[in-house]
């Protein structure tokens, strides 16, 4: 065999060997990658605030496996927290359904705290940076109640009620708590009707009160918005479960009513509006487009003259 052929065979064998080595390396990497991707780990999203949001996903087989084994859950949680801290994430939010509430003990062990809970889900959080104080706000600082000042101009009277359960027995404006996603004006009309049977039309907001340490607000502060309403019907049919008494009461009497400061002050506002014009006391809503695409809000303000 010639020298050329010998050298050709040698280099061919060497090339094949190198190719086989590379192929083996690629196969090993593929196996490692497959093994890595099949390892259970949290399914999460990252928000624009650089925080992690972990939702319980009943369809996700990895999340199911994590949640079914508390030891596995703790192991993956500990590893993930270290990774997220290295990635400079700001906070972790864990959305925990009530059927997995046993995992809250493990989350608490690693510094998670309750943020809020509703229906069948609790939300826990953990602030990650050690060099900065937590920037996470409270879930809610206020609750909101809405009252209706229903003025009957033909008899110069305001619709008032006495609550069946109340600390003091006094005349007050009908009203109640706003539902989630309900506009102020809609709450006023709804609550007045539910408590008194009187149908009304919303006119404006004329006052609001803020009170901290409100006894029945679960540790939150309380906002109480008073709306001016025009009556559409006049025959009272009040709710016997909540309301002890309901009457149309003379405005002059209420302007001097010392038992309830809000009732007295609102009556004076109505009196002033009736004499000087309600445009001098009204704060009316105007719907405006929100910076958030496809959304709108009501801005309440005193209307400017044309």
C-alpha atoms as a PDB file:
ATOM      1  CA  UNK A   1       0.000   0.000   0.000  1.00  0.00           C
ATOM      2  CA  UNK A   2       1.377   3.385  -0.920  1.00  0.00           C
ATOM      3  CA  UNK A   3       2.269   5.968   1.700  1.00  0.00           C
ATOM      4  CA  UNK A   4      -0.484   8.261   0.401  1.00  0.00           C
ATOM      5  CA  UNK A   5      -3.156   5.623   0.937  1.00  0.00           C
ATOM      6  CA  UNK A   6      -1.848   4.831   4.427  1.00  0.00           C
ATOM      7  CA  UNK A   7      -1.960   8.506   5.428  1.00  0.00           C
ATOM      8  CA  UNK A   8      -5.433   8.905   3.931  1.00  0.00           C
ATOM      9  CA  UNK A   9      -6.754   5.965   5.936  1.00  0.00           C
ATOM     10  CA  UNK A  10      -5.149   7.311   9.094  1.00  0.00           C
ATOM     11  CA  UNK A  11      -6.683  10.747   8.787  1.00  0.00           C
ATOM     12  CA  UNK A  12     -10.045   9.280   7.816  1.00  0.00           C
ATOM     13  CA  UNK A  13     -10.104   7.095  10.945  1.00  0.00           C
ATOM     14  CA  UNK A  14      -9.051  10.072  13.037  1.00  0.00           C
ATOM     15  CA  UNK A  15     -11.821  12.229  11.594  1.00  0.00           C
ATOM     16  CA  UNK A  16     -14.396   9.513  12.201  1.00  0.00           C
ATOM     17  CA  UNK A  17     -13.195   9.191  15.786  1.00  0.00           C
ATOM     18  CA  UNK A  18     -13.478  12.928  16.355  1.00  0.00           C
ATOM     19  CA  UNK A  19     -16.947  12.923  14.812  1.00  0.00           C
ATOM     20  CA  UNK A  20     -18.022  10.064  17.088  1.00  0.00           C
ATOM     21  CA  UNK A  21     -16.638  11.931  20.122  1.00  0.00           C
ATOM     22  CA  UNK A  22     -18.579  15.054  19.193  1.00  0.00           C
ATOM     23  CA  UNK A  23     -21.711  13.023  18.544  1.00  0.00           C
ATOM     24  CA  UNK A  24     -21.356  11.368  21.936  1.00  0.00           C
ATOM     25  CA  UNK A  25     -20.956  14.780  23.589  1.00  0.00           C
ATOM     26  CA  UNK A  26     -24.069  16.079  21.838  1.00  0.00           C
ATOM     27  CA  UNK A  27     -26.049  13.027  22.956  1.00  0.00           C
ATOM     28  CA  UNK A  28     -24.892  13.481  26.552  1.00  0.00           C
ATOM     29  CA  UNK A  29     -25.887  17.167  26.484  1.00  0.00           C
ATOM     30  CA  UNK A  30     -29.271  16.239  25.063  1.00  0.00           C
ATOM     31  CA  UNK A  31     -29.809  13.690  27.822  1.00  0.00           C
ATOM     32  CA  UNK A  32     -28.784  16.219  30.474  1.00  0.00           C
ATOM     33  CA  UNK A  33     -31.088  18.853  28.986  1.00  0.00           C
ATOM     34  CA  UNK A  34     -33.982  16.388  28.874  1.00  0.00           C
ATOM     35  CA  UNK A  35     -33.296  15.420  32.446  1.00  0.00           C
ATOM     36  CA  UNK A  36     -33.147  19.073  33.478  1.00  0.00           C
ATOM     37  CA  UNK A  37     -36.363  20.060  31.741  1.00  0.00           C
ATOM     38  CA  UNK A  38     -38.179  17.096  33.254  1.00  0.00           C
ATOM     39  CA  UNK A  39     -37.170  18.102  36.752  1.00  0.00           C
ATOM     40  CA  UNK A  40     -40.168  19.562  38.617  1.00  0.00           C
ATOM     41  CA  UNK A  41     -39.954  23.325  39.002  1.00  0.00           C
ATOM     42  CA  UNK A  42     -42.336  26.191  39.587  1.00  0.00           C
ATOM     43  CA  UNK A  43     -44.316  27.589  36.693  1.00  0.00           C
ATOM     44  CA  UNK A  44     -44.247  31.375  37.052  1.00  0.00           C
ATOM     45  CA  UNK A  45     -44.415  34.721  35.309  1.00  0.00           C
ATOM     46  CA  UNK A  46     -42.308  37.844  35.777  1.00  0.00           C
ATOM     47  CA  UNK A  47     -44.101  41.196  35.903  1.00  0.00           C
ATOM     48  CA  UNK A  48     -42.830  44.610  34.820  1.00  0.00           C
ATOM     49  CA  UNK A  49     -41.893  45.211  38.473  1.00  0.00           C
ATOM     50  CA  UNK A  50     -39.378  42.340  38.274  1.00  0.00           C
ATOM     51  CA  UNK A  51     -41.336  40.165  40.691  1.00  0.00           C
ATOM     52  CA  UNK A  52     -42.246  36.492  40.436  1.00  0.00           C
ATOM     53  CA  UNK A  53     -45.884  35.304  40.338  1.00  0.00           C
ATOM     54  CA  UNK A  54     -46.554  31.610  40.963  1.00  0.00           C
ATOM     55  CA  UNK A  55     -50.053  30.408  40.130  1.00  0.00           C
ATOM     56  CA  UNK A  56     -51.347  26.977  41.076  1.00  0.00           C
ATOM     57  CA  UNK A  57     -52.051  25.203  37.811  1.00  0.00           C
ATOM     58  CA  UNK A  58     -54.144  22.041  37.936  1.00  0.00           C
ATOM     59  CA  UNK A  59     -53.169  21.175  34.346  1.00  0.00           C
ATOM     60  CA  UNK A  60     -49.427  21.599  34.837  1.00  0.00           C
ATOM     61  CA  UNK A  61     -48.060  18.139  35.709  1.00  0.00           C
ATOM     62  CA  UNK A  62     -44.875  19.575  37.248  1.00  0.00           C
ATOM     63  CA  UNK A  63     -46.854  21.859  39.581  1.00  0.00           C
ATOM     64  CA  UNK A  64     -49.075  18.928  40.535  1.00  0.00           C
ATOM     65  CA  UNK A  65     -46.024  16.855  41.409  1.00  0.00           C
ATOM     66  CA  UNK A  66     -44.502  19.680  43.463  1.00  0.00           C
ATOM     67  CA  UNK A  67     -47.684  20.281  45.427  1.00  0.00           C
ATOM     68  CA  UNK A  68     -48.285  16.595  46.147  1.00  0.00           C
ATOM     69  CA  UNK A  69     -45.021  16.139  48.044  1.00  0.00           C
ATOM     70  CA  UNK A  70     -44.190  18.578  50.845  1.00  0.00           C
ATOM     71  CA  UNK A  71     -40.527  17.517  50.993  1.00  0.00           C
ATOM     72  CA  UNK A  72     -40.167  18.053  47.249  1.00  0.00           C
ATOM     73  CA  UNK A  73     -42.003  21.366  47.540  1.00  0.00           C
ATOM     74  CA  UNK A  74     -39.649  22.657  50.225  1.00  0.00           C
ATOM     75  CA  UNK A  75     -36.578  21.496  48.315  1.00  0.00           C
ATOM     76  CA  UNK A  76     -37.620  23.255  45.102  1.00  0.00           C
ATOM     77  CA  UNK A  77     -38.762  26.364  46.993  1.00  0.00           C
ATOM     78  CA  UNK A  78     -35.392  26.723  48.720  1.00  0.00           C
ATOM     79  CA  UNK A  79     -33.491  26.270  45.454  1.00  0.00           C
ATOM     80  CA  UNK A  80     -35.757  28.670  43.563  1.00  0.00           C
ATOM     81  CA  UNK A  81     -35.477  31.396  46.203  1.00  0.00           C
ATOM     82  CA  UNK A  82     -31.686  31.324  45.920  1.00  0.00           C
ATOM     83  CA  UNK A  83     -31.896  31.539  42.125  1.00  0.00           C
ATOM     84  CA  UNK A  84     -34.368  34.416  42.179  1.00  0.00           C
ATOM     85  CA  UNK A  85     -32.267  36.287  44.695  1.00  0.00           C
ATOM     86  CA  UNK A  86     -29.217  35.903  42.445  1.00  0.00           C
ATOM     87  CA  UNK A  87     -31.338  37.204  39.564  1.00  0.00           C
ATOM     88  CA  UNK A  88     -32.129  40.326  41.652  1.00  0.00           C
ATOM     89  CA  UNK A  89     -35.883  39.748  41.692  1.00  0.00           C
ATOM     90  CA  UNK A  90     -37.812  42.093  43.961  1.00  0.00           C
ATOM     91  CA  UNK A  91     -40.489  39.839  45.443  1.00  0.00           C
ATOM     92  CA  UNK A  92     -42.271  36.504  45.152  1.00  0.00           C
ATOM     93  CA  UNK A  93     -46.053  36.116  45.065  1.00  0.00           C
ATOM     94  CA  UNK A  94     -47.565  32.686  45.691  1.00  0.00           C
ATOM     95  CA  UNK A  95     -51.249  32.184  44.849  1.00  0.00           C
ATOM     96  CA  UNK A  96     -52.300  29.309  47.084  1.00  0.00           C
ATOM     97  CA  UNK A  97     -55.707  27.619  46.723  1.00  0.00           C
ATOM     98  CA  UNK A  98     -57.457  26.566  49.900  1.00  0.00           C
ATOM     99  CA  UNK A  99     -57.003  22.844  49.183  1.00  0.00           C
ATOM    100  CA  UNK A 100     -53.216  23.369  49.348  1.00  0.00           C
ATOM    101  CA  UNK A 101     -53.259  25.481  52.509  1.00  0.00           C
ATOM    102  CA  UNK A 102     -50.941  22.985  54.247  1.00  0.00           C
ATOM    103  CA  UNK A 103     -48.121  24.433  52.105  1.00  0.00           C
ATOM    104  CA  UNK A 104     -48.541  27.814  53.807  1.00  0.00           C
ATOM    105  CA  UNK A 105     -46.585  26.442  56.795  1.00  0.00           C
ATOM    106  CA  UNK A 106     -43.590  25.744  54.545  1.00  0.00           C
ATOM    107  CA  UNK A 107     -43.873  29.108  52.812  1.00  0.00           C
ATOM    108  CA  UNK A 108     -43.945  30.826  56.223  1.00  0.00           C
ATOM    109  CA  UNK A 109     -40.790  28.951  57.199  1.00  0.00           C
ATOM    110  CA  UNK A 110     -38.992  30.701  54.328  1.00  0.00           C
ATOM    111  CA  UNK A 111     -40.271  34.173  55.147  1.00  0.00           C
ATOM    112  CA  UNK A 112     -43.545  34.363  53.238  1.00  0.00           C
ATOM    113  CA  UNK A 113     -46.385  36.415  54.737  1.00  0.00           C
ATOM    114  CA  UNK A 114     -50.085  36.615  53.958  1.00  0.00           C
ATOM    115  CA  UNK A 115     -51.025  39.556  51.755  1.00  0.00           C
ATOM    116  CA  UNK A 116     -54.728  38.866  51.239  1.00  0.00           C
ATOM    117  CA  UNK A 117     -57.245  36.089  50.865  1.00  0.00           C
ATOM    118  CA  UNK A 118     -60.596  35.845  49.128  1.00  0.00           C
ATOM    119  CA  UNK A 119     -63.012  32.992  48.490  1.00  0.00           C
ATOM    120  CA  UNK A 120     -60.842  29.893  47.835  1.00  0.00           C
ATOM    121  CA  UNK A 121     -57.415  31.474  47.443  1.00  0.00           C
ATOM    122  CA  UNK A 122     -54.791  33.075  49.679  1.00  0.00           C
ATOM    123  CA  UNK A 123     -51.942  35.179  48.316  1.00  0.00           C
ATOM    124  CA  UNK A 124     -48.600  35.073  50.129  1.00  0.00           C
ATOM    125  CA  UNK A 125     -45.549  37.180  49.379  1.00  0.00           C
ATOM    126  CA  UNK A 126     -41.868  37.473  50.190  1.00  0.00           C
ATOM    127  CA  UNK A 127     -39.715  40.591  49.733  1.00  0.00           C
ATOM    128  CA  UNK A 128     -36.265  39.515  48.527  1.00  0.00           C
ATOM    129  CA  UNK A 129     -33.751  42.428  48.716  1.00  0.00           C
ATOM    130  CA  UNK A 130     -31.898  42.587  52.024  1.00  0.00           C
ATOM    131  CA  UNK A 131     -30.554  46.090  51.408  1.00  0.00           C
ATOM    132  CA  UNK A 132     -33.933  47.766  50.824  1.00  0.00           C
ATOM    133  CA  UNK A 133     -37.121  47.984  52.895  1.00  0.00           C
ATOM    134  CA  UNK A 134     -40.207  46.306  51.484  1.00  0.00           C
ATOM    135  CA  UNK A 135     -42.118  48.332  48.889  1.00  0.00           C
ATOM    136  CA  UNK A 136     -45.141  46.034  48.889  1.00  0.00           C
ATOM    137  CA  UNK A 137     -48.336  47.988  49.730  1.00  0.00           C
ATOM    138  CA  UNK A 138     -51.147  46.724  51.900  1.00  0.00           C
ATOM    139  CA  UNK A 139     -53.882  44.928  50.018  1.00  0.00           C
ATOM    140  CA  UNK A 140     -56.521  47.531  50.955  1.00  0.00           C
ATOM    141  CA  UNK A 141     -56.393  50.611  53.163  1.00  0.00           C
ATOM    142  CA  UNK A 142     -60.068  51.588  53.015  1.00  0.00           C
ATOM    143  CA  UNK A 143     -63.563  50.235  52.679  1.00  0.00           C
ATOM    144  CA  UNK A 144     -66.235  52.408  51.036  1.00  0.00           C
ATOM    145  CA  UNK A 145     -69.789  53.174  52.053  1.00  0.00           C
ATOM    146  CA  UNK A 146     -72.228  55.232  49.972  1.00  0.00           C
ATOM    147  CA  UNK A 147     -75.237  57.188  51.240  1.00  0.00           C
ATOM    148  CA  UNK A 148     -78.052  58.914  49.390  1.00  0.00           C
ATOM    149  CA  UNK A 149     -79.401  62.346  50.340  1.00  0.00           C
ATOM    150  CA  UNK A 150     -82.826  62.070  48.679  1.00  0.00           C
ATOM    151  CA  UNK A 151     -84.397  65.529  48.612  1.00  0.00           C
ATOM    152  CA  UNK A 152     -88.142  65.906  48.001  1.00  0.00           C
ATOM    153  CA  UNK A 153     -88.510  69.480  46.735  1.00  0.00           C
ATOM    154  CA  UNK A 154     -92.340  69.530  46.707  1.00  0.00           C
ATOM    155  CA  UNK A 155     -92.429  69.092  50.505  1.00  0.00           C
ATOM    156  CA  UNK A 156     -88.901  70.282  51.383  1.00  0.00           C
ATOM    157  CA  UNK A 157     -88.017  66.947  53.008  1.00  0.00           C
ATOM    158  CA  UNK A 158     -85.152  64.458  53.081  1.00  0.00           C
ATOM    159  CA  UNK A 159     -85.516  60.672  53.254  1.00  0.00           C
ATOM    160  CA  UNK A 160     -84.058  59.325  56.515  1.00  0.00           C
ATOM    161  CA  UNK A 161     -83.825  55.982  58.289  1.00  0.00           C
ATOM    162  CA  UNK A 162     -83.014  54.530  61.686  1.00  0.00           C
ATOM    163  CA  UNK A 163     -80.892  51.386  61.613  1.00  0.00           C
ATOM    164  CA  UNK A 164     -82.210  48.339  63.449  1.00  0.00           C
ATOM    165  CA  UNK A 165     -78.718  47.674  64.847  1.00  0.00           C
ATOM    166  CA  UNK A 166     -76.914  50.882  65.752  1.00  0.00           C
ATOM    167  CA  UNK A 167     -74.826  52.245  68.619  1.00  0.00           C
ATOM    168  CA  UNK A 168     -77.054  55.326  68.867  1.00  0.00           C
ATOM    169  CA  UNK A 169     -80.700  55.751  67.901  1.00  0.00           C
ATOM    170  CA  UNK A 170     -80.670  58.641  65.408  1.00  0.00           C
ATOM    171  CA  UNK A 171     -81.870  59.630  61.959  1.00  0.00           C
ATOM    172  CA  UNK A 172     -79.373  59.028  59.201  1.00  0.00           C
ATOM    173  CA  UNK A 173     -79.206  58.838  55.427  1.00  0.00           C
ATOM    174  CA  UNK A 174     -79.919  55.466  53.794  1.00  0.00           C
ATOM    175  CA  UNK A 175     -76.948  53.721  52.229  1.00  0.00           C
ATOM    176  CA  UNK A 176     -74.469  50.869  52.461  1.00  0.00           C
ATOM    177  CA  UNK A 177     -71.281  49.289  51.145  1.00  0.00           C
ATOM    178  CA  UNK A 178     -70.236  49.448  47.513  1.00  0.00           C
ATOM    179  CA  UNK A 179     -69.887  46.149  45.707  1.00  0.00           C
ATOM    180  CA  UNK A 180     -66.634  45.290  43.970  1.00  0.00           C
ATOM    181  CA  UNK A 181     -66.548  47.030  40.576  1.00  0.00           C
ATOM    182  CA  UNK A 182     -69.681  49.085  41.285  1.00  0.00           C
ATOM    183  CA  UNK A 183     -69.773  52.812  40.490  1.00  0.00           C
ATOM    184  CA  UNK A 184     -70.499  55.251  43.333  1.00  0.00           C
ATOM    185  CA  UNK A 185     -73.653  56.538  41.674  1.00  0.00           C
ATOM    186  CA  UNK A 186     -74.991  53.008  41.124  1.00  0.00           C
ATOM    187  CA  UNK A 187     -74.343  52.035  44.746  1.00  0.00           C
ATOM    188  CA  UNK A 188     -76.242  55.083  46.015  1.00  0.00           C
ATOM    189  CA  UNK A 189     -79.322  54.313  43.919  1.00  0.00           C
ATOM    190  CA  UNK A 190     -79.234  50.589  44.737  1.00  0.00           C
ATOM    191  CA  UNK A 191     -78.731  50.953  48.486  1.00  0.00           C
ATOM    192  CA  UNK A 192     -81.461  53.593  48.871  1.00  0.00           C
ATOM    193  CA  UNK A 193     -83.913  51.342  47.058  1.00  0.00           C
ATOM    194  CA  UNK A 194     -82.941  48.229  49.045  1.00  0.00           C
ATOM    195  CA  UNK A 195     -83.342  49.993  52.397  1.00  0.00           C
ATOM    196  CA  UNK A 196     -86.334  52.249  51.721  1.00  0.00           C
ATOM    197  CA  UNK A 197     -88.139  51.022  48.597  1.00  0.00           C
ATOM    198  CA  UNK A 198     -87.736  54.490  47.062  1.00  0.00           C
ATOM    199  CA  UNK A 199     -86.546  54.675  43.465  1.00  0.00           C
ATOM    200  CA  UNK A 200     -84.160  57.531  42.726  1.00  0.00           C
ATOM    201  CA  UNK A 201     -82.009  59.220  40.106  1.00  0.00           C
ATOM    202  CA  UNK A 202     -78.372  60.110  40.798  1.00  0.00           C
ATOM    203  CA  UNK A 203     -77.523  63.829  40.654  1.00  0.00           C
ATOM    204  CA  UNK A 204     -74.096  64.381  42.212  1.00  0.00           C
ATOM    205  CA  UNK A 205     -71.693  63.825  45.076  1.00  0.00           C
ATOM    206  CA  UNK A 206     -71.932  66.564  47.682  1.00  0.00           C
ATOM    207  CA  UNK A 207     -69.612  65.373  50.481  1.00  0.00           C
ATOM    208  CA  UNK A 208     -67.471  62.527  51.755  1.00  0.00           C
ATOM    209  CA  UNK A 209     -66.037  61.490  55.083  1.00  0.00           C
ATOM    210  CA  UNK A 210     -62.799  59.672  55.907  1.00  0.00           C
ATOM    211  CA  UNK A 211     -62.521  57.907  59.270  1.00  0.00           C
ATOM    212  CA  UNK A 212     -59.589  55.879  60.561  1.00  0.00           C
ATOM    213  CA  UNK A 213     -59.895  53.013  63.052  1.00  0.00           C
ATOM    214  CA  UNK A 214     -63.493  52.487  61.999  1.00  0.00           C
ATOM    215  CA  UNK A 215     -64.932  49.804  64.328  1.00  0.00           C
ATOM    216  CA  UNK A 216     -66.574  47.676  61.618  1.00  0.00           C
ATOM    217  CA  UNK A 217     -63.930  47.921  58.891  1.00  0.00           C
ATOM    218  CA  UNK A 218     -61.747  44.924  59.865  1.00  0.00           C
ATOM    219  CA  UNK A 219     -58.826  47.197  60.754  1.00  0.00           C
ATOM    220  CA  UNK A 220     -59.186  49.347  57.617  1.00  0.00           C
ATOM    221  CA  UNK A 221     -60.111  53.012  57.322  1.00  0.00           C
ATOM    222  CA  UNK A 222     -63.559  54.006  56.057  1.00  0.00           C
ATOM    223  CA  UNK A 223     -64.640  56.296  53.221  1.00  0.00           C
ATOM    224  CA  UNK A 224     -68.263  57.440  53.284  1.00  0.00           C
ATOM    225  CA  UNK A 225     -69.524  59.225  50.162  1.00  0.00           C
ATOM    226  CA  UNK A 226     -72.794  61.185  50.253  1.00  0.00           C
ATOM    227  CA  UNK A 227     -74.688  61.540  46.981  1.00  0.00           C
ATOM    228  CA  UNK A 228     -77.561  63.855  46.125  1.00  0.00           C
ATOM    229  CA  UNK A 229     -80.454  61.912  44.608  1.00  0.00           C
ATOM    230  CA  UNK A 230     -83.788  62.941  43.156  1.00  0.00           C
ATOM    231  CA  UNK A 231     -86.755  60.721  44.072  1.00  0.00           C
ATOM    232  CA  UNK A 232     -88.685  58.996  41.295  1.00  0.00           C
ATOM    233  CA  UNK A 233     -91.147  57.296  43.661  1.00  0.00           C
ATOM    234  CA  UNK A 234     -92.377  58.468  47.070  1.00  0.00           C
ATOM    235  CA  UNK A 235     -94.113  55.580  48.853  1.00  0.00           C
ATOM    236  CA  UNK A 236     -91.851  54.060  51.497  1.00  0.00           C
ATOM    237  CA  UNK A 237     -91.494  50.287  51.768  1.00  0.00           C
ATOM    238  CA  UNK A 238     -88.431  49.865  53.933  1.00  0.00           C
ATOM    239  CA  UNK A 239     -86.417  46.718  54.637  1.00  0.00           C
ATOM    240  CA  UNK A 240     -87.597  45.344  57.981  1.00  0.00           C
ATOM    241  CA  UNK A 241     -84.439  43.287  58.513  1.00  0.00           C
ATOM    242  CA  UNK A 242     -82.063  46.266  58.511  1.00  0.00           C
ATOM    243  CA  UNK A 243     -84.198  49.364  59.052  1.00  0.00           C
ATOM    244  CA  UNK A 244     -86.220  50.143  62.197  1.00  0.00           C
ATOM    245  CA  UNK A 245     -87.877  53.314  60.872  1.00  0.00           C
ATOM    246  CA  UNK A 246     -87.990  55.261  57.615  1.00  0.00           C
ATOM    247  CA  UNK A 247     -89.596  58.664  57.054  1.00  0.00           C
ATOM    248  CA  UNK A 248     -89.569  61.800  54.948  1.00  0.00           C
ATOM    249  CA  UNK A 249     -88.351  64.436  57.453  1.00  0.00           C
ATOM    250  CA  UNK A 250     -88.583  68.208  57.183  1.00  0.00           C
ATOM    251  CA  UNK A 251     -85.374  69.846  56.020  1.00  0.00           C
ATOM    252  CA  UNK A 252     -85.536  72.653  58.609  1.00  0.00           C
ATOM    253  CA  UNK A 253     -85.719  70.085  61.420  1.00  0.00           C
ATOM    254  CA  UNK A 254     -82.662  68.238  60.111  1.00  0.00           C
ATOM    255  CA  UNK A 255     -80.649  71.468  59.681  1.00  0.00           C
ATOM    256  CA  UNK A 256     -80.814  71.807  63.469  1.00  0.00           C
ATOM    257  CA  UNK A 257     -80.519  68.101  64.242  1.00  0.00           C
ATOM    258  CA  UNK A 258     -77.820  67.664  66.887  1.00  0.00           C
ATOM    259  CA  UNK A 259     -77.850  63.853  67.131  1.00  0.00           C
ATOM    260  CA  UNK A 260     -75.925  63.243  63.896  1.00  0.00           C
ATOM    261  CA  UNK A 261     -73.349  65.674  62.509  1.00  0.00           C
ATOM    262  CA  UNK A 262     -73.392  64.206  59.001  1.00  0.00           C
ATOM    263  CA  UNK A 263     -77.186  64.368  58.694  1.00  0.00           C
ATOM    264  CA  UNK A 264     -77.147  67.958  59.970  1.00  0.00           C
ATOM    265  CA  UNK A 265     -74.323  69.132  57.692  1.00  0.00           C
ATOM    266  CA  UNK A 266     -75.694  67.435  54.568  1.00  0.00           C
ATOM    267  CA  UNK A 267     -79.122  68.958  55.257  1.00  0.00           C
ATOM    268  CA  UNK A 268     -77.539  72.404  55.382  1.00  0.00           C
ATOM    269  CA  UNK A 269     -75.819  71.714  52.047  1.00  0.00           C
ATOM    270  CA  UNK A 270     -79.136  70.694  50.507  1.00  0.00           C
ATOM    271  CA  UNK A 271     -80.764  73.838  51.939  1.00  0.00           C
ATOM    272  CA  UNK A 272     -78.024  76.004  50.457  1.00  0.00           C
ATOM    273  CA  UNK A 273     -78.306  74.283  47.088  1.00  0.00           C
ATOM    274  CA  UNK A 274     -82.076  74.653  47.085  1.00  0.00           C
ATOM    275  CA  UNK A 275     -81.735  78.419  47.640  1.00  0.00           C
ATOM    276  CA  UNK A 276     -78.541  79.283  45.751  1.00  0.00           C
ATOM    277  CA  UNK A 277     -78.562  76.554  43.119  1.00  0.00           C
ATOM    278  CA  UNK A 278     -77.296  72.987  43.347  1.00  0.00           C
ATOM    279  CA  UNK A 279     -74.499  73.761  40.892  1.00  0.00           C
ATOM    280  CA  UNK A 280     -72.828  75.472  43.863  1.00  0.00           C
ATOM    281  CA  UNK A 281     -72.578  72.251  45.869  1.00  0.00           C
ATOM    282  CA  UNK A 282     -72.555  69.491  43.253  1.00  0.00           C
ATOM    283  CA  UNK A 283     -69.499  67.412  42.376  1.00  0.00           C
ATOM    284  CA  UNK A 284     -70.415  65.472  39.263  1.00  0.00           C
ATOM    285  CA  UNK A 285     -68.699  62.535  37.543  1.00  0.00           C
ATOM    286  CA  UNK A 286     -67.344  62.624  34.020  1.00  0.00           C
ATOM    287  CA  UNK A 287     -66.269  59.437  32.276  1.00  0.00           C
ATOM    288  CA  UNK A 288     -62.752  59.626  30.857  1.00  0.00           C
ATOM    289  CA  UNK A 289     -60.480  57.194  29.066  1.00  0.00           C
ATOM    290  CA  UNK A 290     -57.844  55.518  31.194  1.00  0.00           C
ATOM    291  CA  UNK A 291     -54.129  55.252  30.355  1.00  0.00           C
ATOM    292  CA  UNK A 292     -54.796  51.506  30.427  1.00  0.00           C
ATOM    293  CA  UNK A 293     -55.985  50.393  27.006  1.00  0.00           C
ATOM    294  CA  UNK A 294     -59.722  49.844  26.691  1.00  0.00           C
ATOM    295  CA  UNK A 295     -60.525  51.047  30.227  1.00  0.00           C
ATOM    296  CA  UNK A 296     -62.406  54.079  31.570  1.00  0.00           C
ATOM    297  CA  UNK A 297     -62.902  55.851  34.892  1.00  0.00           C
ATOM    298  CA  UNK A 298     -65.136  58.505  36.465  1.00  0.00           C
ATOM    299  CA  UNK A 299     -63.474  61.751  37.510  1.00  0.00           C
ATOM    300  CA  UNK A 300     -65.559  63.688  40.059  1.00  0.00           C
ATOM    301  CA  UNK A 301     -65.152  67.472  40.056  1.00  0.00           C
ATOM    302  CA  UNK A 302     -67.061  70.751  40.285  1.00  0.00           C
ATOM    303  CA  UNK A 303     -68.158  71.627  36.780  1.00  0.00           C
ATOM    304  CA  UNK A 304     -66.512  74.725  35.340  1.00  0.00           C
ATOM    305  CA  UNK A 305     -68.630  77.475  33.797  1.00  0.00           C
ATOM    306  CA  UNK A 306     -68.852  77.461  29.999  1.00  0.00           C
END
